[in-house]
Amino acid sequence: MTAPQRIKFVCDSACDLPAAWRARWHISVIPVFVNFGDESFPDDGVSLTHEEFYRRMAQTKQPPTTSAPSTGVAADVLREALSEADHVIAFTISPTVSSTHNAVRLAAQQVSAERITVYDSGTMSMATGWQIAAACEARERGADLAGILAAVAQARARADVWAIPGSLEYLRRGGRVSRIVSSVGTLLQIKPIISVKEGVLDSKQRARTMRKAMELVAETIRRRAPLEGLAILHTNAPDLAEQMRSLLAEVAPSDPERTLILNVAAAIGVHFGPGSVGAAILSAAQP
């Protein structure tokens, strides 16, 4: 009898998968890099903690930037993962919002193209994380590579993310505002609600205040209930996260382990700045 294929998962650090989940499922991480002037830190939560990142962000005159991992860094992670597996699936956030996907794709070609699947999640943050969780759960059920990828595709269709920037200044600094300026009108007078789905960055929804924007997001999510997963996302703004959690309490998954509150990766915080809030969901599968 042929032994089952050993499959291991890798993700980039902007996927926001909780550290406990990464440890549980033995998921390797390819770090995006955060740069303060000439200093560069892997976004691993250790070299630069979230608290230190936001402290430095508030104090620096020169705004931080992000850079994709080098092909060499990505290749090292993939090579190590392959040493323990027959096949690796590497998840990345959408190339719409990061060049990380391309770096990982090039690294996979160098290491072993036939044994590595580089998967574009089409989205960002925990909307990618929910897809990774679906892959891990499918593996636990004994699914083969094709079965795991089918489970991921189903989760991808049901995963969504919304983010409300505390200030548009950080998006402007990072060059992201130009992508949405035509749909948001006068930037300083509104709160755009930004989503990324199937590689499309959208900001058609907007509100005059943060509270109103949060209520719009909550209303949209309530229409997607029931939920299998809910992640409240924030950038060093626990009070806003708690407000969002309260707005969504009635539709939170019954399993408390599937409701998360996450201070998002620095690689995302660079572009949204402190005081931002959002949510990433996994809608329940249709019977």
C-alpha atoms as a PDB file:
ATOM      1  CA  MET A   1       0.000   0.000   0.000  1.00  0.00           C
ATOM      2  CA  THR A   2       1.303   3.445  -0.918  1.00  0.00           C
ATOM      3  CA  ALA A   3       1.973   5.688   2.059  1.00  0.00           C
ATOM      4  CA  PRO A   4      -0.161   8.851   2.204  1.00  0.00           C
ATOM      5  CA  GLN A   5       1.506  11.948   0.845  1.00  0.00           C
ATOM      6  CA  ARG A   6       3.058  14.192   3.491  1.00  0.00           C
ATOM      7  CA  ILE A   7       1.817  17.747   2.905  1.00  0.00           C
ATOM      8  CA  LYS A   8       3.120  20.798   4.735  1.00  0.00           C
ATOM      9  CA  PHE A   9       1.894  24.393   4.647  1.00  0.00           C
ATOM     10  CA  VAL A  10       3.764  27.671   4.452  1.00  0.00           C
ATOM     11  CA  CYS A  11       2.335  31.198   4.589  1.00  0.00           C
ATOM     12  CA  ASP A  12       3.598  34.755   4.438  1.00  0.00           C
ATOM     13  CA  SER A  13       3.504  36.830   7.602  1.00  0.00           C
ATOM     14  CA  ALA A  14       0.763  39.157   6.319  1.00  0.00           C
ATOM     15  CA  CYS A  15      -1.736  36.279   6.453  1.00  0.00           C
ATOM     16  CA  ASP A  16      -2.228  37.028  10.181  1.00  0.00           C
ATOM     17  CA  LEU A  17      -2.635  33.390  11.179  1.00  0.00           C
ATOM     18  CA  PRO A  18      -2.473  33.272  15.010  1.00  0.00           C
ATOM     19  CA  ALA A  19       0.815  32.028  16.429  1.00  0.00           C
ATOM     20  CA  ALA A  20      -0.943  29.224  18.332  1.00  0.00           C
ATOM     21  CA  TRP A  21      -2.495  27.943  15.122  1.00  0.00           C
ATOM     22  CA  ARG A  22       0.850  28.088  13.308  1.00  0.00           C
ATOM     23  CA  ALA A  23       2.392  26.039  16.104  1.00  0.00           C
ATOM     24  CA  ARG A  24      -0.473  23.544  16.212  1.00  0.00           C
ATOM     25  CA  TRP A  25      -0.298  22.840  12.490  1.00  0.00           C
ATOM     26  CA  HIS A  26       3.481  23.257  12.130  1.00  0.00           C
ATOM     27  CA  ILE A  27       3.146  26.044   9.570  1.00  0.00           C
ATOM     28  CA  SER A  28       6.322  27.774   8.426  1.00  0.00           C
ATOM     29  CA  VAL A  29       6.263  31.526   7.804  1.00  0.00           C
ATOM     30  CA  ILE A  30       7.946  33.564   5.089  1.00  0.00           C
ATOM     31  CA  PRO A  31       8.361  37.031   6.620  1.00  0.00           C
ATOM     32  CA  VAL A  32       7.511  40.271   4.886  1.00  0.00           C
ATOM     33  CA  PHE A  33      10.028  42.926   5.952  1.00  0.00           C
ATOM     34  CA  VAL A  34       9.287  46.211   7.727  1.00  0.00           C
ATOM     35  CA  ASN A  35      11.762  49.027   7.208  1.00  0.00           C
ATOM     36  CA  PHE A  36      12.480  52.034   9.408  1.00  0.00           C
ATOM     37  CA  GLY A  37      15.018  54.024   7.434  1.00  0.00           C
ATOM     38  CA  ASP A  38      18.103  51.836   7.062  1.00  0.00           C
ATOM     39  CA  GLU A  39      16.826  49.286   9.588  1.00  0.00           C
ATOM     40  CA  SER A  40      14.945  46.268   8.271  1.00  0.00           C
ATOM     41  CA  PHE A  41      13.023  43.791  10.449  1.00  0.00           C
ATOM     42  CA  PRO A  42      11.326  40.523   9.531  1.00  0.00           C
ATOM     43  CA  ASP A  43       7.650  40.771  10.394  1.00  0.00           C
ATOM     44  CA  ASP A  44       7.779  37.823  12.757  1.00  0.00           C
ATOM     45  CA  GLY A  45       6.411  39.505  15.888  1.00  0.00           C
ATOM     46  CA  VAL A  46       9.695  38.754  17.668  1.00  0.00           C
ATOM     47  CA  SER A  47      12.383  40.861  16.009  1.00  0.00           C
ATOM     48  CA  LEU A  48       9.897  43.730  16.140  1.00  0.00           C
ATOM     49  CA  THR A  49       6.915  43.276  18.443  1.00  0.00           C
ATOM     50  CA  HIS A  50       3.612  44.899  17.542  1.00  0.00           C
ATOM     51  CA  GLU A  51       3.910  47.239  20.493  1.00  0.00           C
ATOM     52  CA  GLU A  52       7.411  48.336  19.504  1.00  0.00           C
ATOM     53  CA  PHE A  53       6.351  48.724  15.879  1.00  0.00           C
ATOM     54  CA  TYR A  54       3.509  51.124  16.694  1.00  0.00           C
ATOM     55  CA  ARG A  55       5.634  53.017  19.209  1.00  0.00           C
ATOM     56  CA  ARG A  56       8.295  53.600  16.578  1.00  0.00           C
ATOM     57  CA  MET A  57       5.694  54.400  13.958  1.00  0.00           C
ATOM     58  CA  ALA A  58       4.287  57.192  16.128  1.00  0.00           C
ATOM     59  CA  GLN A  59       7.718  58.659  16.852  1.00  0.00           C
ATOM     60  CA  THR A  60       9.435  58.504  13.476  1.00  0.00           C
ATOM     61  CA  LYS A  61       9.449  61.397  11.032  1.00  0.00           C
ATOM     62  CA  GLN A  62      10.171  59.094   8.128  1.00  0.00           C
ATOM     63  CA  PRO A  63       7.256  56.668   7.719  1.00  0.00           C
ATOM     64  CA  PRO A  64       8.053  52.953   7.717  1.00  0.00           C
ATOM     65  CA  THR A  65       7.797  50.926   4.536  1.00  0.00           C
ATOM     66  CA  THR A  66       7.446  47.260   3.675  1.00  0.00           C
ATOM     67  CA  SER A  67       9.357  45.068   1.282  1.00  0.00           C
ATOM     68  CA  ALA A  68       8.657  41.597  -0.008  1.00  0.00           C
ATOM     69  CA  PRO A  69      10.940  38.813   1.161  1.00  0.00           C
ATOM     70  CA  SER A  70      13.849  38.173  -1.152  1.00  0.00           C
ATOM     71  CA  THR A  71      13.694  35.109  -3.326  1.00  0.00           C
ATOM     72  CA  GLY A  72      16.529  33.698  -1.232  1.00  0.00           C
ATOM     73  CA  VAL A  73      14.670  34.125   2.061  1.00  0.00           C
ATOM     74  CA  ALA A  74      11.534  32.544   0.593  1.00  0.00           C
ATOM     75  CA  ALA A  75      13.568  29.711  -0.924  1.00  0.00           C
ATOM     76  CA  ASP A  76      15.181  28.897   2.437  1.00  0.00           C
ATOM     77  CA  VAL A  77      11.778  28.534   4.112  1.00  0.00           C
ATOM     78  CA  LEU A  78      10.395  26.434   1.267  1.00  0.00           C
ATOM     79  CA  ARG A  79      13.470  24.217   1.175  1.00  0.00           C
ATOM     80  CA  GLU A  80      13.277  23.528   4.900  1.00  0.00           C
ATOM     81  CA  ALA A  81       9.550  22.759   4.648  1.00  0.00           C
ATOM     82  CA  LEU A  82      10.181  20.315   1.804  1.00  0.00           C
ATOM     83  CA  SER A  83      12.720  18.468   3.924  1.00  0.00           C
ATOM     84  CA  GLU A  84       9.784  17.303   6.055  1.00  0.00           C
ATOM     85  CA  ALA A  85       7.181  16.784   3.318  1.00  0.00           C
ATOM     86  CA  ASP A  86       6.453  15.373  -0.096  1.00  0.00           C
ATOM     87  CA  HIS A  87       4.587  18.509  -1.160  1.00  0.00           C
ATOM     88  CA  VAL A  88       4.289  22.062   0.153  1.00  0.00           C
ATOM     89  CA  ILE A  89       1.419  24.497  -0.337  1.00  0.00           C
ATOM     90  CA  ALA A  90       2.584  28.090   0.150  1.00  0.00           C
ATOM     91  CA  PHE A  91      -0.206  30.592   0.808  1.00  0.00           C
ATOM     92  CA  THR A  92       0.242  34.287   0.051  1.00  0.00           C
ATOM     93  CA  ILE A  93      -1.907  37.373   0.289  1.00  0.00           C
ATOM     94  CA  SER A  94      -3.139  38.777  -2.998  1.00  0.00           C
ATOM     95  CA  PRO A  95      -0.538  40.180  -5.418  1.00  0.00           C
ATOM     96  CA  THR A  96      -2.939  43.133  -5.743  1.00  0.00           C
ATOM     97  CA  VAL A  97      -1.696  44.376  -2.381  1.00  0.00           C
ATOM     98  CA  SER A  98       1.789  42.849  -2.135  1.00  0.00           C
ATOM     99  CA  SER A  99       4.633  41.638  -4.333  1.00  0.00           C
ATOM    100  CA  THR A 100       5.246  38.772  -1.913  1.00  0.00           C
ATOM    101  CA  HIS A 101       3.365  36.292  -4.100  1.00  0.00           C
ATOM    102  CA  ASN A 102       5.748  36.839  -6.969  1.00  0.00           C
ATOM    103  CA  ALA A 103       8.794  36.416  -4.709  1.00  0.00           C
ATOM    104  CA  VAL A 104       7.440  33.119  -3.377  1.00  0.00           C
ATOM    105  CA  ARG A 105       6.550  31.925  -6.883  1.00  0.00           C
ATOM    106  CA  LEU A 106      10.076  32.585  -8.112  1.00  0.00           C
ATOM    107  CA  ALA A 107      11.526  30.853  -5.063  1.00  0.00           C
ATOM    108  CA  ALA A 108       9.345  27.802  -5.655  1.00  0.00           C
ATOM    109  CA  GLN A 109      10.626  27.549  -9.221  1.00  0.00           C
ATOM    110  CA  GLN A 110      14.176  27.559  -7.913  1.00  0.00           C
ATOM    111  CA  VAL A 111      13.597  24.998  -5.178  1.00  0.00           C
ATOM    112  CA  SER A 112      11.219  22.434  -6.707  1.00  0.00           C
ATOM    113  CA  ALA A 113       8.378  23.643  -8.912  1.00  0.00           C
ATOM    114  CA  GLU A 114       6.762  20.198  -9.117  1.00  0.00           C
ATOM    115  CA  ARG A 115       6.646  19.766  -5.334  1.00  0.00           C
ATOM    116  CA  ILE A 116       5.453  23.253  -4.342  1.00  0.00           C
ATOM    117  CA  THR A 117       2.053  24.816  -4.991  1.00  0.00           C
ATOM    118  CA  VAL A 118       2.056  28.595  -4.544  1.00  0.00           C
ATOM    119  CA  TYR A 119      -1.509  29.584  -3.743  1.00  0.00           C
ATOM    120  CA  ASP A 120      -2.759  33.145  -4.273  1.00  0.00           C
ATOM    121  CA  SER A 121      -5.493  33.573  -1.673  1.00  0.00           C
ATOM    122  CA  GLY A 122      -7.004  36.506  -3.583  1.00  0.00           C
ATOM    123  CA  THR A 123      -7.328  38.467  -0.366  1.00  0.00           C
ATOM    124  CA  MET A 124      -5.391  39.490   2.763  1.00  0.00           C
ATOM    125  CA  SER A 125      -5.034  39.083   6.522  1.00  0.00           C
ATOM    126  CA  MET A 126      -7.247  36.453   8.169  1.00  0.00           C
ATOM    127  CA  ALA A 127      -9.381  36.056   5.047  1.00  0.00           C
ATOM    128  CA  THR A 128      -6.242  34.242   3.876  1.00  0.00           C
ATOM    129  CA  GLY A 129      -5.852  32.703   7.318  1.00  0.00           C
ATOM    130  CA  TRP A 130      -9.279  31.061   7.132  1.00  0.00           C
ATOM    131  CA  GLN A 131      -8.235  29.398   3.877  1.00  0.00           C
ATOM    132  CA  ILE A 132      -5.106  28.037   5.544  1.00  0.00           C
ATOM    133  CA  ALA A 133      -7.196  26.730   8.430  1.00  0.00           C
ATOM    134  CA  ALA A 134      -9.445  24.933   5.930  1.00  0.00           C
ATOM    135  CA  ALA A 135      -6.366  23.325   4.376  1.00  0.00           C
ATOM    136  CA  CYS A 136      -5.098  22.145   7.755  1.00  0.00           C
ATOM    137  CA  GLU A 137      -8.483  20.717   8.730  1.00  0.00           C
ATOM    138  CA  ALA A 138      -8.764  18.901   5.388  1.00  0.00           C
ATOM    139  CA  ARG A 139      -5.312  17.395   5.966  1.00  0.00           C
ATOM    140  CA  GLU A 140      -6.424  16.240   9.421  1.00  0.00           C
ATOM    141  CA  ARG A 141      -9.371  14.468   7.768  1.00  0.00           C
ATOM    142  CA  GLY A 142      -6.916  12.582   5.577  1.00  0.00           C
ATOM    143  CA  ALA A 143      -7.490  14.494   2.340  1.00  0.00           C
ATOM    144  CA  ASP A 144      -4.876  14.206  -0.398  1.00  0.00           C
ATOM    145  CA  LEU A 145      -3.401  17.174  -2.262  1.00  0.00           C
ATOM    146  CA  ALA A 146      -6.369  17.476  -4.626  1.00  0.00           C
ATOM    147  CA  GLY A 147      -8.816  17.240  -1.731  1.00  0.00           C
ATOM    148  CA  ILE A 148      -6.975  19.882   0.268  1.00  0.00           C
ATOM    149  CA  LEU A 149      -6.923  22.286  -2.661  1.00  0.00           C
ATOM    150  CA  ALA A 150     -10.649  21.699  -3.193  1.00  0.00           C
ATOM    151  CA  ALA A 151     -11.322  22.548   0.453  1.00  0.00           C
ATOM    152  CA  VAL A 152      -9.210  25.695   0.124  1.00  0.00           C
ATOM    153  CA  ALA A 153     -11.108  26.786  -2.999  1.00  0.00           C
ATOM    154  CA  GLN A 154     -14.392  26.390  -1.138  1.00  0.00           C
ATOM    155  CA  ALA A 155     -13.084  28.418   1.793  1.00  0.00           C
ATOM    156  CA  ARG A 156     -11.734  31.096  -0.544  1.00  0.00           C
ATOM    157  CA  ALA A 157     -15.250  31.632  -1.924  1.00  0.00           C
ATOM    158  CA  ARG A 158     -16.614  32.038   1.617  1.00  0.00           C
ATOM    159  CA  ALA A 159     -13.835  34.229   3.070  1.00  0.00           C
ATOM    160  CA  ASP A 160     -14.132  38.024   3.143  1.00  0.00           C
ATOM    161  CA  VAL A 161     -12.302  40.908   4.779  1.00  0.00           C
ATOM    162  CA  TRP A 162     -13.154  44.548   5.428  1.00  0.00           C
ATOM    163  CA  ALA A 163     -10.855  47.229   6.838  1.00  0.00           C
ATOM    164  CA  ILE A 164     -11.556  50.784   7.980  1.00  0.00           C
ATOM    165  CA  PRO A 165      -8.399  52.922   8.097  1.00  0.00           C
ATOM    166  CA  GLY A 166      -8.067  55.198  11.088  1.00  0.00           C
ATOM    167  CA  SER A 167      -6.402  57.733   8.795  1.00  0.00           C
ATOM    168  CA  LEU A 168      -5.893  57.828   5.045  1.00  0.00           C
ATOM    169  CA  GLU A 169      -2.471  59.381   5.566  1.00  0.00           C
ATOM    170  CA  TYR A 170      -0.734  56.014   5.778  1.00  0.00           C
ATOM    171  CA  LEU A 171      -2.392  54.703   2.629  1.00  0.00           C
ATOM    172  CA  ARG A 172      -1.371  57.909   0.883  1.00  0.00           C
ATOM    173  CA  ARG A 173       2.235  57.571   2.042  1.00  0.00           C
ATOM    174  CA  GLY A 174       2.384  54.000   0.808  1.00  0.00           C
ATOM    175  CA  GLY A 175       0.995  54.858  -2.600  1.00  0.00           C
ATOM    176  CA  ARG A 176      -2.203  52.867  -2.032  1.00  0.00           C
ATOM    177  CA  VAL A 177      -4.634  55.777  -2.104  1.00  0.00           C
ATOM    178  CA  SER A 178      -4.177  56.271  -5.830  1.00  0.00           C
ATOM    179  CA  ARG A 179      -5.872  52.927  -6.378  1.00  0.00           C
ATOM    180  CA  ILE A 180      -9.063  53.977  -4.619  1.00  0.00           C
ATOM    181  CA  VAL A 181      -9.168  57.755  -4.953  1.00  0.00           C
ATOM    182  CA  SER A 182     -11.642  57.723  -7.864  1.00  0.00           C
ATOM    183  CA  SER A 183     -14.241  55.899  -5.777  1.00  0.00           C
ATOM    184  CA  VAL A 184     -13.902  57.644  -2.438  1.00  0.00           C
ATOM    185  CA  GLY A 185     -14.212  61.289  -3.474  1.00  0.00           C
ATOM    186  CA  THR A 186     -12.902  63.843  -1.030  1.00  0.00           C
ATOM    187  CA  LEU A 187     -10.570  61.760   1.097  1.00  0.00           C
ATOM    188  CA  LEU A 188     -10.461  63.783   4.292  1.00  0.00           C
ATOM    189  CA  GLN A 189     -14.234  63.833   4.723  1.00  0.00           C
ATOM    190  CA  ILE A 190     -14.999  60.111   4.759  1.00  0.00           C
ATOM    191  CA  LYS A 191     -14.048  56.680   6.073  1.00  0.00           C
ATOM    192  CA  PRO A 192     -13.705  54.260   3.170  1.00  0.00           C
ATOM    193  CA  ILE A 193     -14.388  50.597   3.848  1.00  0.00           C
ATOM    194  CA  ILE A 194     -11.728  48.629   2.000  1.00  0.00           C
ATOM    195  CA  SER A 195     -12.084  45.016   0.950  1.00  0.00           C
ATOM    196  CA  VAL A 196      -9.997  42.624  -1.108  1.00  0.00           C
ATOM    197  CA  LYS A 197     -11.795  39.744  -2.817  1.00  0.00           C
ATOM    198  CA  GLU A 198     -10.577  37.627  -5.728  1.00  0.00           C
ATOM    199  CA  GLY A 199      -7.694  40.049  -6.149  1.00  0.00           C
ATOM    200  CA  VAL A 200      -9.956  43.091  -6.487  1.00  0.00           C
ATOM    201  CA  LEU A 201      -9.340  45.997  -4.085  1.00  0.00           C
ATOM    202  CA  ASP A 202     -12.645  47.774  -3.501  1.00  0.00           C
ATOM    203  CA  SER A 203     -13.784  50.786  -1.505  1.00  0.00           C
ATOM    204  CA  LYS A 204     -17.309  51.497  -2.712  1.00  0.00           C
ATOM    205  CA  GLN A 205     -18.716  51.580   0.804  1.00  0.00           C
ATOM    206  CA  ARG A 206     -17.969  54.651   2.898  1.00  0.00           C
ATOM    207  CA  ALA A 207     -19.207  56.535   5.932  1.00  0.00           C
ATOM    208  CA  ARG A 208     -18.747  59.900   7.617  1.00  0.00           C
ATOM    209  CA  THR A 209     -17.516  58.527  10.944  1.00  0.00           C
ATOM    210  CA  MET A 210     -15.629  55.499  12.216  1.00  0.00           C
ATOM    211  CA  ARG A 211     -18.663  54.343  14.197  1.00  0.00           C
ATOM    212  CA  LYS A 212     -20.915  54.523  11.152  1.00  0.00           C
ATOM    213  CA  ALA A 213     -18.355  52.659   9.060  1.00  0.00           C
ATOM    214  CA  MET A 214     -18.158  49.930  11.701  1.00  0.00           C
ATOM    215  CA  GLU A 215     -21.932  49.624  11.716  1.00  0.00           C
ATOM    216  CA  LEU A 216     -21.948  49.264   7.919  1.00  0.00           C
ATOM    217  CA  VAL A 217     -19.352  46.493   8.107  1.00  0.00           C
ATOM    218  CA  ALA A 218     -21.288  44.750  10.869  1.00  0.00           C
ATOM    219  CA  GLU A 219     -24.503  44.991   8.858  1.00  0.00           C
ATOM    220  CA  THR A 220     -22.775  43.442   5.839  1.00  0.00           C
ATOM    221  CA  ILE A 221     -21.364  40.615   7.953  1.00  0.00           C
ATOM    222  CA  ARG A 222     -24.703  39.897   9.607  1.00  0.00           C
ATOM    223  CA  ARG A 223     -26.126  39.295   6.132  1.00  0.00           C
ATOM    224  CA  ARG A 224     -23.432  36.632   5.606  1.00  0.00           C
ATOM    225  CA  ALA A 225     -24.373  34.693   8.749  1.00  0.00           C
ATOM    226  CA  PRO A 226     -24.149  31.967   9.875  1.00  0.00           C
ATOM    227  CA  LEU A 227     -20.388  32.178  10.276  1.00  0.00           C
ATOM    228  CA  GLU A 228     -17.783  29.457  10.693  1.00  0.00           C
ATOM    229  CA  GLY A 229     -15.081  31.969  11.539  1.00  0.00           C
ATOM    230  CA  LEU A 230     -14.854  35.573  12.728  1.00  0.00           C
ATOM    231  CA  ALA A 231     -11.645  37.522  13.233  1.00  0.00           C
ATOM    232  CA  ILE A 232     -11.821  41.068  14.555  1.00  0.00           C
ATOM    233  CA  LEU A 233      -8.783  42.916  13.205  1.00  0.00           C
ATOM    234  CA  HIS A 234      -7.186  46.076  14.567  1.00  0.00           C
ATOM    235  CA  THR A 235      -3.972  48.070  14.444  1.00  0.00           C
ATOM    236  CA  ASN A 236      -3.149  48.682  18.076  1.00  0.00           C
ATOM    237  CA  ALA A 237      -6.740  49.775  18.715  1.00  0.00           C
ATOM    238  CA  PRO A 238      -8.218  47.288  21.226  1.00  0.00           C
ATOM    239  CA  ASP A 239     -11.091  49.626  22.134  1.00  0.00           C
ATOM    240  CA  LEU A 240     -12.259  49.727  18.512  1.00  0.00           C
ATOM    241  CA  ALA A 241     -11.858  45.961  18.278  1.00  0.00           C
ATOM    242  CA  GLU A 242     -14.072  45.518  21.318  1.00  0.00           C
ATOM    243  CA  GLN A 243     -16.710  47.794  19.765  1.00  0.00           C
ATOM    244  CA  MET A 244     -16.656  45.721  16.594  1.00  0.00           C
ATOM    245  CA  ARG A 245     -16.871  42.504  18.603  1.00  0.00           C
ATOM    246  CA  SER A 246     -19.952  43.837  20.380  1.00  0.00           C
ATOM    247  CA  LEU A 247     -21.603  44.765  17.092  1.00  0.00           C
ATOM    248  CA  LEU A 248     -21.083  41.203  15.852  1.00  0.00           C
ATOM    249  CA  ALA A 249     -21.772  39.291  19.070  1.00  0.00           C
ATOM    250  CA  GLU A 250     -25.105  37.951  17.836  1.00  0.00           C
ATOM    251  CA  VAL A 251     -23.560  36.271  14.775  1.00  0.00           C
ATOM    252  CA  ALA A 252     -20.262  35.098  16.275  1.00  0.00           C
ATOM    253  CA  PRO A 253     -19.535  31.388  15.742  1.00  0.00           C
ATOM    254  CA  SER A 254     -20.761  29.105  18.501  1.00  0.00           C
ATOM    255  CA  ASP A 255     -17.232  27.714  18.887  1.00  0.00           C
ATOM    256  CA  PRO A 256     -15.316  30.369  20.882  1.00  0.00           C
ATOM    257  CA  GLU A 257     -12.040  29.224  19.297  1.00  0.00           C
ATOM    258  CA  ARG A 258     -13.376  30.437  15.949  1.00  0.00           C
ATOM    259  CA  THR A 259     -13.808  34.014  17.176  1.00  0.00           C
ATOM    260  CA  LEU A 260     -10.491  35.863  17.246  1.00  0.00           C
ATOM    261  CA  ILE A 261      -9.285  39.370  18.060  1.00  0.00           C
ATOM    262  CA  LEU A 262      -6.004  40.087  16.289  1.00  0.00           C
ATOM    263  CA  ASN A 263      -3.585  42.995  16.342  1.00  0.00           C
ATOM    264  CA  VAL A 264      -2.632  42.625  12.703  1.00  0.00           C
ATOM    265  CA  ALA A 265       0.804  42.091  11.219  1.00  0.00           C
ATOM    266  CA  ALA A 266       3.110  45.086  11.042  1.00  0.00           C
ATOM    267  CA  ALA A 267       3.279  44.538   7.283  1.00  0.00           C
ATOM    268  CA  ILE A 268      -0.390  45.522   7.121  1.00  0.00           C
ATOM    269  CA  GLY A 269      -0.198  48.112   9.882  1.00  0.00           C
ATOM    270  CA  VAL A 270       2.369  50.083   7.848  1.00  0.00           C
ATOM    271  CA  HIS A 271      -0.278  50.858   5.251  1.00  0.00           C
ATOM    272  CA  PHE A 272      -3.303  51.360   7.511  1.00  0.00           C
ATOM    273  CA  GLY A 273      -1.638  53.038  10.474  1.00  0.00           C
ATOM    274  CA  PRO A 274      -2.734  52.886  14.109  1.00  0.00           C
ATOM    275  CA  GLY A 275      -6.392  53.239  14.970  1.00  0.00           C
ATOM    276  CA  SER A 276      -7.729  51.052  12.157  1.00  0.00           C
ATOM    277  CA  VAL A 277     -10.245  48.258  12.588  1.00  0.00           C
ATOM    278  CA  GLY A 278     -11.825  45.561  10.479  1.00  0.00           C
ATOM    279  CA  ALA A 279     -13.045  41.997  10.306  1.00  0.00           C
ATOM    280  CA  ALA A 280     -12.362  38.834   8.350  1.00  0.00           C
ATOM    281  CA  ILE A 281     -15.011  36.134   8.165  1.00  0.00           C
ATOM    282  CA  LEU A 282     -15.575  32.640   6.915  1.00  0.00           C
ATOM    283  CA  SER A 283     -19.234  32.152   6.067  1.00  0.00           C
ATOM    284  CA  ALA A 284     -20.707  28.740   6.797  1.00  0.00           C
ATOM    285  CA  ALA A 285     -20.893  26.298   3.903  1.00  0.00           C
ATOM    286  CA  GLN A 286     -24.298  25.961   2.330  1.00  0.00           C
ATOM    287  CA  PRO A 287     -26.023  22.661   3.165  1.00  0.00           C
END
